[in-house]
Amino acid sequence: MIGLNVNIIIDIVILAIILVAVVITFGVIWRARNGLDTCHKFLLVAIVMFGIRMLLEILEELQILFLGIWLKIPEVLFVIFFVLGLYKIRSILRKINGEIR
């Protein structure tokens, strides 16, 4: 039982850090342009998916929800949007460096 409480506390701390990351990413999106806003929007969605995953995990640990395999959907979406964001950043950097037009 004590282990469960520690896991929930750690998950809540991670969720709080994710909320900070969302606020920071919104600030970047607000100030960015020339495609940088697009890549950060992808990263924002990835961060939100990770947050949803953590929230669902907390609810499952508290035995409020029983999701099983459905818990993997936010993980898959996190990976997809994270890779899309990184790909967009890479494309912008390649354009800046003159590798592509």
Protein backbone atom coordinates (compact mmCIF):
# COMPACT_ATOMS: atom_id res chain seq x y z
CA MET A 1 0.00 0.00 0.00
CA ILE A 2 2.86 2.39 0.80
CA GLY A 3 4.43 1.63 -2.60
CA LEU A 4 1.17 2.56 -4.29
CA ASN A 5 1.05 5.90 -2.49
CA VAL A 6 4.64 6.70 -3.49
CA ASN A 7 3.83 5.84 -7.12
CA ILE A 8 0.81 8.14 -7.08
CA ILE A 9 2.82 10.97 -5.53
CA ILE A 10 5.56 10.58 -8.14
CA ASP A 11 2.95 10.52 -10.92
CA ILE A 12 1.33 13.69 -9.55
CA VAL A 13 4.75 15.42 -9.46
CA ILE A 14 5.32 14.35 -13.09
CA LEU A 15 1.87 15.65 -14.01
CA ALA A 16 2.68 19.01 -12.39
CA ILE A 17 5.93 19.22 -14.37
CA ILE A 18 3.97 18.40 -17.54
CA LEU A 19 1.65 21.33 -16.81
CA VAL A 20 4.70 23.61 -16.53
CA ALA A 21 5.93 22.24 -19.88
CA VAL A 22 2.54 23.03 -21.45
CA VAL A 23 2.70 26.63 -20.22
CA ILE A 24 6.28 27.04 -21.49
CA THR A 25 5.39 25.53 -24.86
CA PHE A 26 2.39 27.86 -25.21
CA GLY A 27 4.81 30.75 -24.62
CA VAL A 28 7.09 29.49 -27.39
CA ILE A 29 4.16 29.03 -29.80
CA TRP A 30 2.93 32.55 -29.03
CA ARG A 31 6.32 34.05 -29.94
CA ALA A 32 7.44 31.73 -32.76
CA ARG A 33 6.87 32.03 -36.51
CA ASN A 34 8.31 30.75 -39.80
CA GLY A 35 7.34 27.16 -39.09
CA LEU A 36 8.72 27.04 -35.56
CA ASP A 37 5.21 27.50 -34.22
CA THR A 38 4.06 24.43 -36.16
CA CYS A 39 6.76 22.16 -34.75
CA HIS A 40 6.05 23.39 -31.24
CA LYS A 41 2.33 22.76 -31.75
CA PHE A 42 3.20 19.14 -32.54
CA LEU A 43 5.37 19.01 -29.42
CA LEU A 44 2.56 20.59 -27.38
CA VAL A 45 0.13 17.88 -28.48
CA ALA A 46 2.77 15.27 -27.59
CA ILE A 47 3.19 16.79 -24.13
CA VAL A 48 -0.59 16.86 -23.62
CA MET A 49 -0.84 13.20 -24.68
CA PHE A 50 1.86 12.33 -22.16
CA GLY A 51 -0.09 14.26 -19.51
CA ILE A 52 -3.29 12.41 -20.38
CA ARG A 53 -1.38 9.14 -20.12
CA MET A 54 -0.11 10.09 -16.66
CA LEU A 55 -3.58 11.16 -15.52
CA LEU A 56 -5.11 7.90 -16.74
CA GLU A 57 -2.35 5.97 -14.98
CA ILE A 58 -3.10 7.78 -11.71
CA LEU A 59 -6.81 7.00 -12.10
CA GLU A 60 -5.98 3.36 -12.77
CA GLU A 61 -3.67 3.15 -9.74
CA LEU A 62 -6.47 4.59 -7.61
CA GLN A 63 -8.73 1.90 -9.12
CA ILE A 64 -11.15 4.49 -10.48
CA LEU A 65 -10.66 3.38 -14.09
CA PHE A 66 -9.57 0.06 -15.53
CA LEU A 67 -8.18 0.76 -18.99
CA GLY A 68 -5.83 -2.10 -19.76
CA ILE A 69 -4.61 -1.83 -23.35
CA TRP A 70 -6.46 1.47 -23.87
CA LEU A 71 -3.77 3.11 -21.75
CA LYS A 72 -1.39 2.63 -24.69
CA ILE A 73 -3.32 4.97 -27.05
CA PRO A 74 -1.99 8.21 -25.49
CA GLU A 75 1.52 6.68 -25.56
CA VAL A 76 1.28 5.97 -29.27
CA LEU A 77 -0.08 9.47 -29.95
CA PHE A 78 2.72 10.96 -27.84
CA VAL A 79 5.36 9.22 -29.94
CA ILE A 80 3.70 10.18 -33.23
CA PHE A 81 3.38 13.89 -32.39
CA PHE A 82 6.83 14.02 -30.80
CA VAL A 83 8.42 12.59 -33.95
CA LEU A 84 6.39 14.97 -36.15
CA GLY A 85 7.61 17.92 -34.08
CA LEU A 86 11.22 16.81 -34.30
CA TYR A 87 10.89 16.20 -38.04
CA LYS A 88 9.52 19.73 -38.54
CA ILE A 89 12.37 21.22 -36.49
CA ARG A 90 14.88 19.21 -38.52
CA SER A 91 13.34 20.44 -41.77
CA ILE A 92 13.54 24.06 -40.62
CA LEU A 93 17.18 23.66 -39.59
CA ARG A 94 18.07 22.00 -42.89
CA LYS A 95 16.44 24.93 -44.72
CA ILE A 96 18.34 27.47 -42.60
CA ASN A 97 21.62 25.62 -43.23
CA GLY A 98 20.97 25.61 -46.98
CA GLU A 99 20.72 21.84 -47.27
CA ILE A 100 17.25 22.13 -48.86
CA ARG A 101 15.33 24.92 -50.52
